[in-house]
Amino acid sequence: IHVGSNTINYFFTVIVFSVAVATIKKEGSPKWYHAHSKMGLTLFLLATFQLAGGYLRPSKELISPPTNAAENETDDD
């Protein structure tokens, strides 16, 4: 559910970002000039890296569980 939700969210982000870029281009204003445009680009890039990191992360089976030294010790009492 988590992976699917993130993927759908990213596709909506791509659509909205594309609409924003097309609108800026249509208005003829310079791209990435205003702070709002720069923030939008930054958030889009962060969302891209977050999604890529989620997909490139090793699966749970490849990551060994941490060992607890206290559990491995036996009581000699």
Protein backbone atom coordinates (compact mmCIF):
# COMPACT_ATOMS: atom_id res chain seq x y z
CA ILE A 1 0.00 0.00 0.00
CA HIS A 2 2.82 2.40 0.90
CA VAL A 3 4.74 1.89 -2.36
CA GLY A 4 1.58 2.19 -4.43
CA SER A 5 0.53 5.38 -2.66
CA ASN A 6 3.95 6.95 -3.13
CA THR A 7 3.99 6.03 -6.81
CA ILE A 8 0.52 7.45 -7.46
CA ASN A 9 1.44 10.59 -5.53
CA TYR A 10 4.57 11.02 -7.65
CA PHE A 11 2.62 10.69 -10.90
CA PHE A 12 0.18 13.37 -9.72
CA THR A 13 3.18 15.52 -8.80
CA VAL A 14 4.58 15.10 -12.33
CA ILE A 15 1.24 16.10 -13.85
CA VAL A 16 0.84 19.18 -11.67
CA PHE A 17 4.47 20.20 -12.19
CA SER A 18 4.04 19.85 -15.97
CA VAL A 19 0.92 22.04 -15.88
CA ALA A 20 2.80 24.66 -13.84
CA VAL A 21 5.75 24.70 -16.26
CA ALA A 22 3.40 24.92 -19.26
CA THR A 23 1.53 27.81 -17.64
CA ILE A 24 4.75 29.70 -16.92
CA LYS A 25 5.89 29.12 -20.51
CA LYS A 26 2.53 30.28 -21.89
CA GLU A 27 2.64 33.48 -19.83
CA GLY A 28 6.09 34.23 -21.20
CA SER A 29 7.64 34.91 -17.82
CA PRO A 30 11.19 33.70 -17.23
CA LYS A 31 11.37 30.21 -15.78
CA TRP A 32 12.82 29.69 -12.30
CA TYR A 33 13.10 33.44 -11.71
CA HIS A 34 10.75 33.77 -8.75
CA ALA A 35 11.26 32.11 -5.37
CA HIS A 36 7.97 30.24 -5.78
CA SER A 37 9.20 28.64 -9.01
CA LYS A 38 12.53 27.69 -7.44
CA MET A 39 10.74 26.13 -4.46
CA GLY A 40 8.48 24.15 -6.79
CA LEU A 41 11.46 22.83 -8.72
CA THR A 42 13.25 21.94 -5.49
CA LEU A 43 10.24 20.05 -4.14
CA PHE A 44 9.83 18.23 -7.45
CA LEU A 45 13.47 17.12 -7.37
CA LEU A 46 13.19 16.04 -3.72
CA ALA A 47 10.07 13.99 -4.55
CA THR A 48 11.95 12.37 -7.45
CA PHE A 49 14.90 11.42 -5.23
CA GLN A 50 12.55 10.13 -2.52
CA LEU A 51 10.73 7.87 -4.95
CA ALA A 52 13.97 6.65 -6.53
CA GLY A 53 15.43 5.95 -3.09
CA GLY A 54 12.39 3.92 -2.17
CA TYR A 55 12.64 1.77 -5.28
CA LEU A 56 16.41 1.35 -5.07
CA ARG A 57 16.38 0.41 -1.39
CA PRO A 58 17.37 -3.20 -0.74
CA SER A 59 14.55 -5.54 0.21
CA LYS A 60 14.00 -6.61 3.80
CA GLU A 61 15.29 -10.11 3.06
CA LEU A 62 18.70 -8.75 2.02
CA ILE A 63 19.13 -6.72 5.18
CA SER A 64 20.16 -8.87 8.12
CA PRO A 65 18.36 -8.11 11.37
CA PRO A 66 20.49 -6.42 14.03
CA THR A 67 21.80 -8.77 16.67
CA ASN A 68 21.39 -7.98 20.31
CA ALA A 69 24.44 -9.05 22.31
CA ALA A 70 22.41 -9.24 25.52
CA GLU A 71 20.08 -11.86 24.03
CA ASN A 72 23.01 -14.03 22.89
CA GLU A 73 24.55 -14.20 26.35
CA THR A 74 23.61 -17.13 28.56
CA ASP A 75 23.16 -16.92 32.29
CA ASP A 76 25.69 -19.02 34.17
CA ASP A 77 23.90 -18.61 37.50
